[in-house]
Amino acid sequence: METEAKTKKWGNSIGIIIPKEIIDSKNIAVGDELILYIEKKKDKEKAKLMKEGYEEMNKTLMETHKEWEKADAEWPQ
């Protein structure tokens, strides 16, 4: 399950709030041990943009490759 959260100062540490919907759906109780996967939102957005850019670049390269193959096939021997 994925959600967004903001960090908050908690003594000398940083804490996050787990939304009630997640607590209820995962049946989380005080004292439970959890495994968390943490990723900064801006890093995730950057990775998404990079992936989209790569996919667009790959599409453009494939189209260019097809054009070169066509031109090569039509080139006099």
Protein backbone atom coordinates (compact mmCIF):
# COMPACT_ATOMS: atom_id res chain seq x y z
CA MET A 1 0.00 0.00 0.00
CA GLU A 2 1.34 3.42 -0.90
CA THR A 3 0.59 6.76 0.70
CA GLU A 4 2.15 10.18 1.10
CA ALA A 5 3.25 11.56 4.44
CA LYS A 6 5.10 14.58 5.82
CA THR A 7 7.81 14.24 8.39
CA LYS A 8 7.43 15.92 11.79
CA LYS A 9 9.92 16.73 14.51
CA TRP A 10 9.57 14.33 17.42
CA GLY A 11 12.16 15.02 20.12
CA ASN A 12 15.55 14.43 18.53
CA SER A 13 13.99 12.22 15.87
CA ILE A 14 11.71 12.63 12.88
CA GLY A 15 8.33 10.90 12.85
CA ILE A 16 5.62 10.24 10.33
CA ILE A 17 1.89 9.79 10.81
CA ILE A 18 0.32 6.63 9.43
CA PRO A 19 -3.15 7.47 8.08
CA LYS A 20 -6.10 5.78 9.79
CA GLU A 21 -7.16 4.10 6.55
CA ILE A 22 -3.85 2.23 6.42
CA ILE A 23 -3.95 1.40 10.13
CA ASP A 24 -7.42 -0.09 9.71
CA SER A 25 -6.74 -1.92 6.44
CA LYS A 26 -3.49 -3.46 7.72
CA ASN A 27 -4.80 -4.00 11.26
CA ILE A 28 -1.82 -2.15 12.77
CA ALA A 29 -1.66 -1.79 16.54
CA VAL A 30 0.65 0.08 18.92
CA GLY A 31 3.81 -1.96 19.41
CA ASP A 32 3.61 -3.76 16.05
CA GLU A 33 6.86 -4.03 14.16
CA LEU A 34 6.59 -2.67 10.62
CA ILE A 35 8.74 -2.84 7.52
CA LEU A 36 8.73 0.44 5.62
CA TYR A 37 9.94 1.34 2.16
CA ILE A 38 10.83 5.03 2.17
CA GLU A 39 11.35 7.16 -0.91
CA LYS A 40 11.36 10.94 -1.15
CA LYS A 41 8.45 12.21 -3.22
CA LYS A 42 10.68 14.42 -5.35
CA ASP A 43 13.02 11.46 -6.04
CA LYS A 44 10.06 9.33 -7.13
CA GLU A 45 8.77 12.12 -9.37
CA LYS A 46 12.26 12.58 -10.83
CA ALA A 47 12.53 8.84 -11.54
CA LYS A 48 9.11 8.90 -13.21
CA LEU A 49 10.12 11.82 -15.43
CA MET A 50 13.39 10.12 -16.32
CA LYS A 51 11.54 6.91 -17.23
CA GLU A 52 9.07 8.84 -19.39
CA GLY A 53 11.97 10.66 -21.07
CA TYR A 54 13.76 7.38 -21.72
CA GLU A 55 10.63 5.81 -23.18
CA GLU A 56 10.09 8.82 -25.45
CA MET A 57 13.74 8.78 -26.53
CA ASN A 58 13.54 5.05 -27.25
CA LYS A 59 10.38 5.56 -29.32
CA THR A 60 12.10 8.30 -31.33
CA LEU A 61 15.17 6.11 -31.89
CA MET A 62 13.01 3.22 -33.11
CA GLU A 63 11.19 5.51 -35.55
CA THR A 64 14.51 6.90 -36.81
CA HIS A 65 15.87 3.37 -37.20
CA LYS A 66 12.84 2.37 -39.32
CA GLU A 67 13.32 5.45 -41.50
CA TRP A 68 16.99 4.59 -42.02
CA GLU A 69 16.13 0.98 -42.89
CA LYS A 70 13.56 2.20 -45.43
CA ALA A 71 16.02 4.69 -46.95
CA ASP A 72 18.74 2.03 -47.05
CA ALA A 73 16.42 -0.41 -48.86
CA GLU A 74 15.57 2.24 -51.47
CA TRP A 75 19.21 3.27 -52.00
CA PRO A 76 20.56 2.20 -55.40
CA GLN A 77 23.07 -0.67 -55.24
